Amino acid sequence: MAKKGFRYDRIAVLILGIILIVLILFNILIIQNKINFDIPELSTNGFVKVDISTATNKVILSSGCISAVGTVSDDQVHSIENALEKIKDVRPLSHDTTQNILQSYNIQIVMLKVTELRDNNFIGKLFLKSGNKITSLDVRPSDGIAIALRNNAPIYMNETLLEEQGVNTC
């Protein structure tokens, strides 16, 4: 009799172990963005990851041989350059303060997406994660870039938009 109960206990432990392994793998895939549950806003289909650089009053979003340019203020360029170079001013800039607030509330930046051009203005969405909740905020892409860079978050641009607004740099 004791052996039969022991056998059921081992089977239960084995089943719980398998369930735990599956849950761990599932969470790893979610964290690595391998699974997006077909949530349209989180999908990067139709988007391309871009690199960021700056010039006088300009932020440049590049992928391969195509670059799109947005006109921004000197302050925005300065903040983006600080983020690119991992430099902090003597006093925090507004994007540094935003970064500090996000960190203090354990809010992570998932990504920034530059989605469209409306009235000659690029439109961006900044995706935030807090616990199990993910939300998107409408942002000026330059602000989103400055914040995403401070968090090492990926920056994506609508591929069609990049092709339409970009120039060949090769």
N, C-alpha and C. Protein backbone atom coordinates (compact mmCIF):
# COMPACT_ATOMS: atom_id res chain seq x y z
N MET A 1 0.81 -1.20 0.00
CA MET A 1 0.00 0.00 0.00
C MET A 1 0.85 1.26 0.00
N ALA A 2 1.88 1.31 0.80
CA ALA A 2 2.73 2.49 0.89
C ALA A 2 3.40 2.77 -0.45
N LYS A 3 3.75 1.72 -1.18
CA LYS A 3 4.43 1.91 -2.45
C LYS A 3 3.49 2.54 -3.48
N LYS A 4 2.20 2.18 -3.46
CA LYS A 4 1.25 2.74 -4.41
C LYS A 4 1.07 4.24 -4.18
N GLY A 5 0.93 4.66 -2.94
CA GLY A 5 0.82 6.08 -2.61
C GLY A 5 2.08 6.83 -3.01
N PHE A 6 3.23 6.21 -2.79
CA PHE A 6 4.50 6.82 -3.18
C PHE A 6 4.56 7.01 -4.69
N ARG A 7 4.04 6.04 -5.43
CA ARG A 7 4.04 6.12 -6.89
C ARG A 7 3.18 7.29 -7.37
N TYR A 8 2.01 7.48 -6.76
CA TYR A 8 1.15 8.60 -7.14
C TYR A 8 1.79 9.93 -6.80
N ASP A 9 2.49 10.00 -5.67
CA ASP A 9 3.18 11.23 -5.30
C ASP A 9 4.26 11.57 -6.32
N ARG A 10 5.00 10.58 -6.79
CA ARG A 10 6.05 10.81 -7.77
C ARG A 10 5.44 11.28 -9.10
N ILE A 11 4.31 10.71 -9.48
CA ILE A 11 3.65 11.11 -10.72
C ILE A 11 3.16 12.56 -10.60
N ALA A 12 2.59 12.90 -9.47
CA ALA A 12 2.11 14.27 -9.25
C ALA A 12 3.27 15.26 -9.30
N VAL A 13 4.37 14.93 -8.67
CA VAL A 13 5.55 15.80 -8.68
C VAL A 13 6.08 15.93 -10.11
N LEU A 14 6.11 14.85 -10.85
CA LEU A 14 6.57 14.87 -12.23
C LEU A 14 5.68 15.77 -13.09
N ILE A 15 4.37 15.65 -12.94
CA ILE A 15 3.43 16.47 -13.70
C ILE A 15 3.60 17.94 -13.34
N LEU A 16 3.71 18.24 -12.04
CA LEU A 16 3.92 19.63 -11.62
C LEU A 16 5.24 20.18 -12.16
N GLY A 17 6.26 19.35 -12.19
CA GLY A 17 7.55 19.77 -12.74
C GLY A 17 7.46 20.10 -14.21
N ILE A 18 6.75 19.28 -14.97
CA ILE A 18 6.57 19.52 -16.40
C ILE A 18 5.79 20.82 -16.62
N ILE A 19 4.74 21.03 -15.85
CA ILE A 19 3.94 22.26 -15.96
C ILE A 19 4.81 23.48 -15.65
N LEU A 20 5.64 23.38 -14.62
CA LEU A 20 6.51 24.48 -14.24
C LEU A 20 7.50 24.79 -15.36
N ILE A 21 8.10 23.78 -15.97
CA ILE A 21 9.04 23.97 -17.07
C ILE A 21 8.35 24.64 -18.25
N VAL A 22 7.14 24.18 -18.59
CA VAL A 22 6.39 24.78 -19.69
C VAL A 22 6.09 26.25 -19.41
N LEU A 23 5.69 26.57 -18.18
CA LEU A 23 5.40 27.96 -17.82
C LEU A 23 6.66 28.83 -17.90
N ILE A 24 7.79 28.31 -17.44
CA ILE A 24 9.04 29.06 -17.51
C ILE A 24 9.41 29.34 -18.96
N LEU A 25 9.35 28.32 -19.81
CA LEU A 25 9.67 28.50 -21.22
C LEU A 25 8.71 29.49 -21.88
N PHE A 26 7.44 29.40 -21.54
CA PHE A 26 6.43 30.30 -22.08
C PHE A 26 6.75 31.74 -21.71
N ASN A 27 7.11 31.98 -20.44
CA ASN A 27 7.47 33.33 -19.98
C ASN A 27 8.72 33.84 -20.66
N ILE A 28 9.71 32.98 -20.88
CA ILE A 28 10.93 33.39 -21.58
C ILE A 28 10.58 33.83 -23.00
N LEU A 29 9.72 33.08 -23.67
CA LEU A 29 9.33 33.44 -25.04
C LEU A 29 8.59 34.77 -25.07
N ILE A 30 7.75 35.01 -24.09
CA ILE A 30 7.02 36.28 -24.02
C ILE A 30 8.01 37.42 -23.81
N ILE A 31 8.95 37.26 -22.87
CA ILE A 31 9.93 38.30 -22.58
C ILE A 31 10.77 38.59 -23.81
N GLN A 32 11.11 37.57 -24.58
CA GLN A 32 11.94 37.76 -25.76
C GLN A 32 11.10 38.17 -26.97
N ASN A 33 9.84 38.49 -26.77
CA ASN A 33 8.93 38.93 -27.83
C ASN A 33 8.77 37.90 -28.94
N LYS A 34 8.90 36.61 -28.61
CA LYS A 34 8.69 35.57 -29.60
C LYS A 34 7.20 35.28 -29.74
N ILE A 35 6.44 35.60 -28.69
CA ILE A 35 4.99 35.40 -28.72
C ILE A 35 4.35 36.75 -28.44
N ASN A 36 3.44 37.18 -29.29
CA ASN A 36 2.78 38.46 -29.03
C ASN A 36 1.26 38.31 -28.97
N PHE A 37 0.78 37.09 -28.94
CA PHE A 37 -0.65 36.82 -28.81
C PHE A 37 -1.47 37.53 -29.87
N ASP A 38 -0.85 37.84 -31.00
CA ASP A 38 -1.54 38.52 -32.09
C ASP A 38 -2.17 39.83 -31.64
N ILE A 39 -1.53 40.52 -30.71
CA ILE A 39 -1.98 41.85 -30.32
C ILE A 39 -1.44 42.79 -31.39
N PRO A 40 -2.30 43.34 -32.23
CA PRO A 40 -1.83 44.12 -33.37
C PRO A 40 -0.85 45.23 -33.00
N GLU A 41 -1.10 45.94 -31.93
CA GLU A 41 -0.22 47.05 -31.57
C GLU A 41 1.19 46.59 -31.22
N LEU A 42 1.33 45.39 -30.66
CA LEU A 42 2.65 44.91 -30.26
C LEU A 42 3.40 44.23 -31.40
N SER A 43 2.71 43.91 -32.45
CA SER A 43 3.35 43.24 -33.58
C SER A 43 4.31 44.21 -34.26
N THR A 44 5.45 43.68 -34.68
CA THR A 44 6.40 44.49 -35.44
C THR A 44 6.35 44.13 -36.93
N ASN A 45 5.33 43.38 -37.33
CA ASN A 45 5.15 43.09 -38.76
C ASN A 45 4.90 44.40 -39.49
N GLY A 46 5.61 44.62 -40.58
CA GLY A 46 5.47 45.86 -41.34
C GLY A 46 6.32 46.98 -40.79
N PHE A 47 7.10 46.70 -39.76
CA PHE A 47 7.99 47.69 -39.16
C PHE A 47 9.42 47.19 -39.27
N VAL A 48 10.34 48.11 -39.29
CA VAL A 48 11.76 47.78 -39.37
C VAL A 48 12.48 48.48 -38.22
N LYS A 49 13.43 47.78 -37.61
CA LYS A 49 14.21 48.37 -36.53
C LYS A 49 15.14 49.43 -37.13
N VAL A 50 15.22 50.59 -36.49
CA VAL A 50 16.03 51.68 -37.02
C VAL A 50 17.13 52.07 -36.04
N ASP A 51 18.20 52.59 -36.62
CA ASP A 51 19.29 53.19 -35.85
C ASP A 51 19.05 54.69 -35.82
N ILE A 52 19.55 55.32 -34.77
CA ILE A 52 19.32 56.74 -34.57
C ILE A 52 20.64 57.50 -34.61
N SER A 53 20.61 58.62 -35.29
CA SER A 53 21.73 59.56 -35.26
C SER A 53 21.14 60.97 -35.32
N THR A 54 22.00 61.96 -35.15
CA THR A 54 21.52 63.34 -35.15
C THR A 54 22.40 64.22 -36.03
N ALA A 55 21.85 65.36 -36.40
CA ALA A 55 22.56 66.44 -37.08
C ALA A 55 21.93 67.72 -36.56
N THR A 56 22.39 68.85 -36.99
CA THR A 56 21.84 70.11 -36.52
C THR A 56 20.33 70.16 -36.76
N ASN A 57 19.57 70.27 -35.68
CA ASN A 57 18.10 70.32 -35.71
C ASN A 57 17.46 69.14 -36.42
N LYS A 58 18.13 68.00 -36.43
CA LYS A 58 17.58 66.83 -37.11
C LYS A 58 17.84 65.55 -36.33
N VAL A 59 16.87 64.65 -36.39
CA VAL A 59 17.06 63.29 -35.91
C VAL A 59 16.91 62.39 -37.13
N ILE A 60 17.81 61.44 -37.26
CA ILE A 60 17.86 60.59 -38.45
C ILE A 60 17.57 59.16 -38.04
N LEU A 61 16.57 58.56 -38.68
CA LEU A 61 16.21 57.17 -38.44
C LEU A 61 16.64 56.37 -39.66
N SER A 62 17.51 55.39 -39.47
CA SER A 62 18.10 54.66 -40.59
C SER A 62 17.95 53.16 -40.43
N SER A 63 17.73 52.52 -41.58
CA SER A 63 17.74 51.07 -41.65
C SER A 63 18.35 50.70 -42.99
N GLY A 64 19.46 49.99 -42.94
CA GLY A 64 20.14 49.65 -44.18
C GLY A 64 20.57 50.91 -44.90
N CYS A 65 20.17 51.03 -46.15
CA CYS A 65 20.55 52.17 -46.99
C CYS A 65 19.51 53.27 -47.03
N ILE A 66 18.48 53.19 -46.20
CA ILE A 66 17.41 54.19 -46.23
C ILE A 66 17.40 54.97 -44.92
N SER A 67 17.32 56.29 -45.02
CA SER A 67 17.28 57.16 -43.84
C SER A 67 16.16 58.18 -43.98
N ALA A 68 15.40 58.34 -42.91
CA ALA A 68 14.36 59.36 -42.84
C ALA A 68 14.81 60.41 -41.83
N VAL A 69 14.51 61.66 -42.13
CA VAL A 69 14.97 62.77 -41.30
C VAL A 69 13.76 63.50 -40.74
N GLY A 70 13.82 63.79 -39.45
CA GLY A 70 12.80 64.61 -38.81
C GLY A 70 13.44 65.87 -38.25
N THR A 71 12.75 66.99 -38.39
CA THR A 71 13.25 68.26 -37.86
C THR A 71 12.81 68.39 -36.40
N VAL A 72 13.78 68.71 -35.55
CA VAL A 72 13.52 68.84 -34.11
C VAL A 72 14.27 70.05 -33.57
N SER A 73 13.99 70.40 -32.33
CA SER A 73 14.66 71.54 -31.70
C SER A 73 16.08 71.16 -31.26
N ASP A 74 16.86 72.18 -30.96
CA ASP A 74 18.22 71.96 -30.43
C ASP A 74 18.17 71.16 -29.12
N ASP A 75 17.16 71.46 -28.29
CA ASP A 75 17.02 70.74 -27.01
C ASP A 75 16.79 69.25 -27.24
N GLN A 76 15.96 68.92 -28.22
CA GLN A 76 15.68 67.51 -28.52
C GLN A 76 16.95 66.82 -29.02
N VAL A 77 17.68 67.48 -29.92
CA VAL A 77 18.93 66.91 -30.42
C VAL A 77 19.89 66.67 -29.27
N HIS A 78 20.00 67.65 -28.38
CA HIS A 78 20.91 67.53 -27.23
C HIS A 78 20.52 66.33 -26.36
N SER A 79 19.24 66.18 -26.08
CA SER A 79 18.78 65.08 -25.24
C SER A 79 19.02 63.72 -25.91
N ILE A 80 18.76 63.64 -27.21
CA ILE A 80 18.98 62.39 -27.94
C ILE A 80 20.47 62.07 -27.99
N GLU A 81 21.31 63.08 -28.23
CA GLU A 81 22.76 62.86 -28.24
C GLU A 81 23.24 62.38 -26.88
N ASN A 82 22.73 62.98 -25.80
CA ASN A 82 23.09 62.52 -24.45
C ASN A 82 22.74 61.05 -24.27
N ALA A 83 21.56 60.67 -24.74
CA ALA A 83 21.13 59.28 -24.60
C ALA A 83 22.02 58.35 -25.43
N LEU A 84 22.35 58.76 -26.64
CA LEU A 84 23.21 57.95 -27.50
C LEU A 84 24.59 57.75 -26.89
N GLU A 85 25.11 58.82 -26.28
CA GLU A 85 26.46 58.79 -25.73
C GLU A 85 26.50 58.43 -24.25
N LYS A 86 25.31 58.16 -23.66
CA LYS A 86 25.20 57.80 -22.24
C LYS A 86 25.78 58.89 -21.33
N ILE A 87 25.47 60.13 -21.68
CA ILE A 87 25.95 61.29 -20.93
C ILE A 87 24.79 61.86 -20.11
N LYS A 88 25.10 62.28 -18.88
CA LYS A 88 24.11 62.97 -18.06
C LYS A 88 24.59 64.39 -17.81
N ASP A 89 23.69 65.34 -18.02
CA ASP A 89 24.02 66.74 -17.74
C ASP A 89 24.13 66.93 -16.23
N VAL A 90 24.64 68.09 -15.83
CA VAL A 90 24.78 68.41 -14.41
C VAL A 90 23.42 68.32 -13.73
N ARG A 91 22.40 68.83 -14.38
CA ARG A 91 21.02 68.74 -13.87
C ARG A 91 20.24 67.90 -14.86
N PRO A 92 19.25 67.12 -14.38
CA PRO A 92 18.52 66.23 -15.29
C PRO A 92 17.66 66.98 -16.31
N LEU A 93 17.69 66.48 -17.54
CA LEU A 93 16.79 66.98 -18.58
C LEU A 93 15.42 66.34 -18.36
N SER A 94 14.41 66.82 -19.06
CA SER A 94 13.05 66.29 -18.87
C SER A 94 13.00 64.79 -19.19
N HIS A 95 13.78 64.34 -20.18
CA HIS A 95 13.79 62.91 -20.50
C HIS A 95 14.49 62.09 -19.42
N ASP A 96 15.49 62.70 -18.75
CA ASP A 96 16.12 62.02 -17.62
C ASP A 96 15.14 61.89 -16.46
N THR A 97 14.38 62.95 -16.23
CA THR A 97 13.36 62.92 -15.17
C THR A 97 12.31 61.86 -15.48
N THR A 98 11.87 61.81 -16.72
CA THR A 98 10.91 60.77 -17.13
C THR A 98 11.50 59.39 -16.87
N GLN A 99 12.77 59.21 -17.23
CA GLN A 99 13.45 57.93 -17.00
C GLN A 99 13.47 57.59 -15.51
N ASN A 100 13.77 58.57 -14.67
CA ASN A 100 13.80 58.34 -13.22
C ASN A 100 12.43 57.95 -12.69
N ILE A 101 11.38 58.59 -13.18
CA ILE A 101 10.02 58.25 -12.76
C ILE A 101 9.69 56.81 -13.16
N LEU A 102 9.97 56.47 -14.41
CA LEU A 102 9.68 55.11 -14.88
C LEU A 102 10.42 54.08 -14.05
N GLN A 103 11.69 54.32 -13.77
CA GLN A 103 12.48 53.38 -12.97
C GLN A 103 11.94 53.26 -11.55
N SER A 104 11.53 54.37 -10.95
CA SER A 104 11.06 54.32 -9.57
C SER A 104 9.75 53.54 -9.44
N TYR A 105 8.99 53.45 -10.52
CA TYR A 105 7.75 52.67 -10.50
C TYR A 105 7.89 51.33 -11.22
N ASN A 106 9.12 50.93 -11.49
CA ASN A 106 9.39 49.65 -12.16
C ASN A 106 8.65 49.50 -13.49
N ILE A 107 8.61 50.58 -14.24
CA ILE A 107 7.97 50.56 -15.56
C ILE A 107 9.06 50.42 -16.60
N GLN A 108 8.90 49.45 -17.47
CA GLN A 108 9.89 49.19 -18.52
C GLN A 108 9.38 49.72 -19.85
N ILE A 109 10.31 50.17 -20.67
CA ILE A 109 9.98 50.56 -22.03
C ILE A 109 10.11 49.32 -22.89
N VAL A 110 9.04 48.92 -23.56
CA VAL A 110 9.07 47.75 -24.42
C VAL A 110 9.66 48.12 -25.77
N MET A 111 9.16 49.21 -26.36
CA MET A 111 9.64 49.66 -27.67
C MET A 111 8.99 51.00 -28.00
N LEU A 112 9.57 51.63 -29.03
CA LEU A 112 8.97 52.80 -29.64
C LEU A 112 8.67 52.44 -31.07
N LYS A 113 7.50 52.82 -31.56
CA LYS A 113 7.16 52.62 -32.97
C LYS A 113 6.78 53.97 -33.58
N VAL A 114 7.44 54.31 -34.69
CA VAL A 114 7.06 55.48 -35.47
C VAL A 114 6.09 54.94 -36.51
N THR A 115 4.83 55.34 -36.39
CA THR A 115 3.76 54.64 -37.11
C THR A 115 3.28 55.31 -38.39
N GLU A 116 3.27 56.65 -38.41
CA GLU A 116 2.69 57.33 -39.57
C GLU A 116 3.15 58.77 -39.64
N LEU A 117 2.78 59.40 -40.74
CA LEU A 117 3.00 60.83 -40.93
C LEU A 117 1.63 61.47 -41.05
N ARG A 118 1.35 62.45 -40.18
CA ARG A 118 0.06 63.11 -40.19
C ARG A 118 0.30 64.62 -40.13
N ASP A 119 -0.21 65.35 -41.12
CA ASP A 119 -0.01 66.81 -41.18
C ASP A 119 1.47 67.18 -41.09
N ASN A 120 2.30 66.46 -41.82
CA ASN A 120 3.76 66.66 -41.84
C ASN A 120 4.43 66.42 -40.49
N ASN A 121 3.78 65.67 -39.61
CA ASN A 121 4.35 65.32 -38.32
C ASN A 121 4.40 63.80 -38.19
N PHE A 122 5.57 63.29 -37.81
CA PHE A 122 5.66 61.87 -37.53
C PHE A 122 4.91 61.58 -36.24
N ILE A 123 4.26 60.43 -36.19
CA ILE A 123 3.48 60.02 -35.03
C ILE A 123 4.17 58.80 -34.42
N GLY A 124 4.28 58.79 -33.09
CA GLY A 124 4.94 57.68 -32.41
C GLY A 124 4.08 57.08 -31.32
N LYS A 125 4.37 55.83 -31.01
CA LYS A 125 3.73 55.14 -29.89
C LYS A 125 4.83 54.53 -29.03
N LEU A 126 4.81 54.86 -27.75
CA LEU A 126 5.77 54.33 -26.80
C LEU A 126 5.05 53.27 -25.98
N PHE A 127 5.60 52.06 -25.97
CA PHE A 127 4.98 50.94 -25.28
C PHE A 127 5.65 50.73 -23.93
N LEU A 128 4.84 50.73 -22.87
CA LEU A 128 5.31 50.59 -21.50
C LEU A 128 4.78 49.31 -20.89
N LYS A 129 5.59 48.71 -20.02
CA LYS A 129 5.17 47.48 -19.33
C LYS A 129 5.36 47.67 -17.84
N SER A 130 4.30 47.40 -17.10
CA SER A 130 4.34 47.43 -15.64
C SER A 130 3.65 46.17 -15.15
N GLY A 131 4.43 45.27 -14.56
CA GLY A 131 3.86 43.98 -14.16
C GLY A 131 3.36 43.25 -15.39
N ASN A 132 2.09 42.86 -15.38
CA ASN A 132 1.49 42.17 -16.53
C ASN A 132 0.77 43.11 -17.49
N LYS A 133 0.80 44.40 -17.20
CA LYS A 133 0.06 45.35 -18.02
C LYS A 133 0.99 46.03 -19.02
N ILE A 134 0.56 46.06 -20.27
CA ILE A 134 1.27 46.78 -21.32
C ILE A 134 0.34 47.84 -21.86
N THR A 135 0.86 49.05 -22.01
CA THR A 135 0.06 50.14 -22.54
C THR A 135 0.89 50.92 -23.55
N SER A 136 0.21 51.64 -24.42
CA SER A 136 0.93 52.47 -25.39
C SER A 136 0.51 53.91 -25.19
N LEU A 137 1.47 54.80 -25.39
CA LEU A 137 1.23 56.23 -25.26
C LEU A 137 1.54 56.91 -26.58
N ASP A 138 0.72 57.86 -26.96
CA ASP A 138 0.99 58.69 -28.12
C ASP A 138 2.11 59.65 -27.73
N VAL A 139 3.21 59.63 -28.50
CA VAL A 139 4.34 60.51 -28.20
C VAL A 139 4.88 61.14 -29.47
N ARG A 140 5.54 62.28 -29.29
CA ARG A 140 6.34 62.80 -30.39
C ARG A 140 7.50 61.82 -30.55
N PRO A 141 7.80 61.38 -31.75
CA PRO A 141 8.89 60.42 -31.91
C PRO A 141 10.21 60.89 -31.29
N SER A 142 10.50 62.18 -31.36
CA SER A 142 11.77 62.65 -30.77
C SER A 142 11.79 62.42 -29.26
N ASP A 143 10.67 62.65 -28.58
CA ASP A 143 10.60 62.36 -27.14
C ASP A 143 10.71 60.86 -26.90
N GLY A 144 9.98 60.09 -27.71
CA GLY A 144 10.03 58.64 -27.57
C GLY A 144 11.43 58.09 -27.79
N ILE A 145 12.13 58.65 -28.77
CA ILE A 145 13.50 58.22 -29.06
C ILE A 145 14.40 58.51 -27.87
N ALA A 146 14.31 59.72 -27.33
CA ALA A 146 15.15 60.10 -26.19
C ALA A 146 14.90 59.18 -24.99
N ILE A 147 13.66 58.80 -24.78
CA ILE A 147 13.32 57.92 -23.66
C ILE A 147 13.72 56.47 -23.96
N ALA A 148 13.40 55.99 -25.16
CA ALA A 148 13.74 54.61 -25.53
C ALA A 148 15.25 54.38 -25.48
N LEU A 149 16.02 55.33 -25.97
CA LEU A 149 17.48 55.18 -25.95
C LEU A 149 18.02 55.09 -24.53
N ARG A 150 17.43 55.84 -23.61
CA ARG A 150 17.87 55.79 -22.22
C ARG A 150 17.56 54.43 -21.59
N ASN A 151 16.65 53.69 -22.19
CA ASN A 151 16.24 52.39 -21.66
C ASN A 151 16.74 51.22 -22.52
N ASN A 152 17.55 51.51 -23.51
CA ASN A 152 18.04 50.48 -24.44
C ASN A 152 16.89 49.71 -25.07
N ALA A 153 15.79 50.39 -25.32
CA ALA A 153 14.61 49.76 -25.94
C ALA A 153 14.71 49.89 -27.46
N PRO A 154 14.20 48.91 -28.18
CA PRO A 154 14.26 48.98 -29.64
C PRO A 154 13.33 50.07 -30.19
N ILE A 155 13.75 50.62 -31.33
CA ILE A 155 12.98 51.66 -32.01
C ILE A 155 12.66 51.14 -33.41
N TYR A 156 11.37 51.15 -33.74
CA TYR A 156 10.91 50.65 -35.03
C TYR A 156 10.22 51.76 -35.80
N MET A 157 10.26 51.64 -37.13
CA MET A 157 9.55 52.58 -37.98
C MET A 157 8.75 51.80 -39.00
N ASN A 158 7.56 52.28 -39.28
CA ASN A 158 6.73 51.68 -40.31
C ASN A 158 7.56 51.60 -41.59
N GLU A 159 7.71 50.39 -42.13
CA GLU A 159 8.60 50.18 -43.27
C GLU A 159 8.16 50.99 -44.49
N THR A 160 6.88 51.03 -44.76
CA THR A 160 6.37 51.81 -45.90
C THR A 160 6.65 53.29 -45.69
N LEU A 161 6.45 53.78 -44.48
CA LEU A 161 6.72 55.18 -44.16
C LEU A 161 8.20 55.50 -44.36
N LEU A 162 9.07 54.60 -43.91
CA LEU A 162 10.50 54.81 -44.09
C LEU A 162 10.86 54.89 -45.57
N GLU A 163 10.28 54.01 -46.35
CA GLU A 163 10.56 54.01 -47.79
C GLU A 163 10.04 55.27 -48.46
N GLU A 164 8.82 55.72 -48.05
CA GLU A 164 8.23 56.91 -48.66
C GLU A 164 8.94 58.20 -48.24
N GLN A 165 9.34 58.29 -46.97
CA GLN A 165 9.92 59.54 -46.46
C GLN A 165 11.45 59.51 -46.46
N GLY A 166 12.02 58.34 -46.63
CA GLY A 166 13.47 58.22 -46.55
C GLY A 166 14.16 58.45 -47.88
N VAL A 167 15.48 58.56 -47.77
CA VAL A 167 16.32 58.70 -48.95
C VAL A 167 17.35 57.60 -48.94
N ASN A 168 17.78 57.18 -50.12
CA ASN A 168 18.81 56.14 -50.24
C ASN A 168 20.15 56.77 -49.90
N THR A 169 20.86 56.16 -48.96
CA THR A 169 22.15 56.72 -48.51
C THR A 169 23.35 55.88 -48.95
N CYS A 170 23.10 54.84 -49.75
CA CYS A 170 24.21 53.99 -50.21
C CYS A 170 24.65 54.37 -51.61
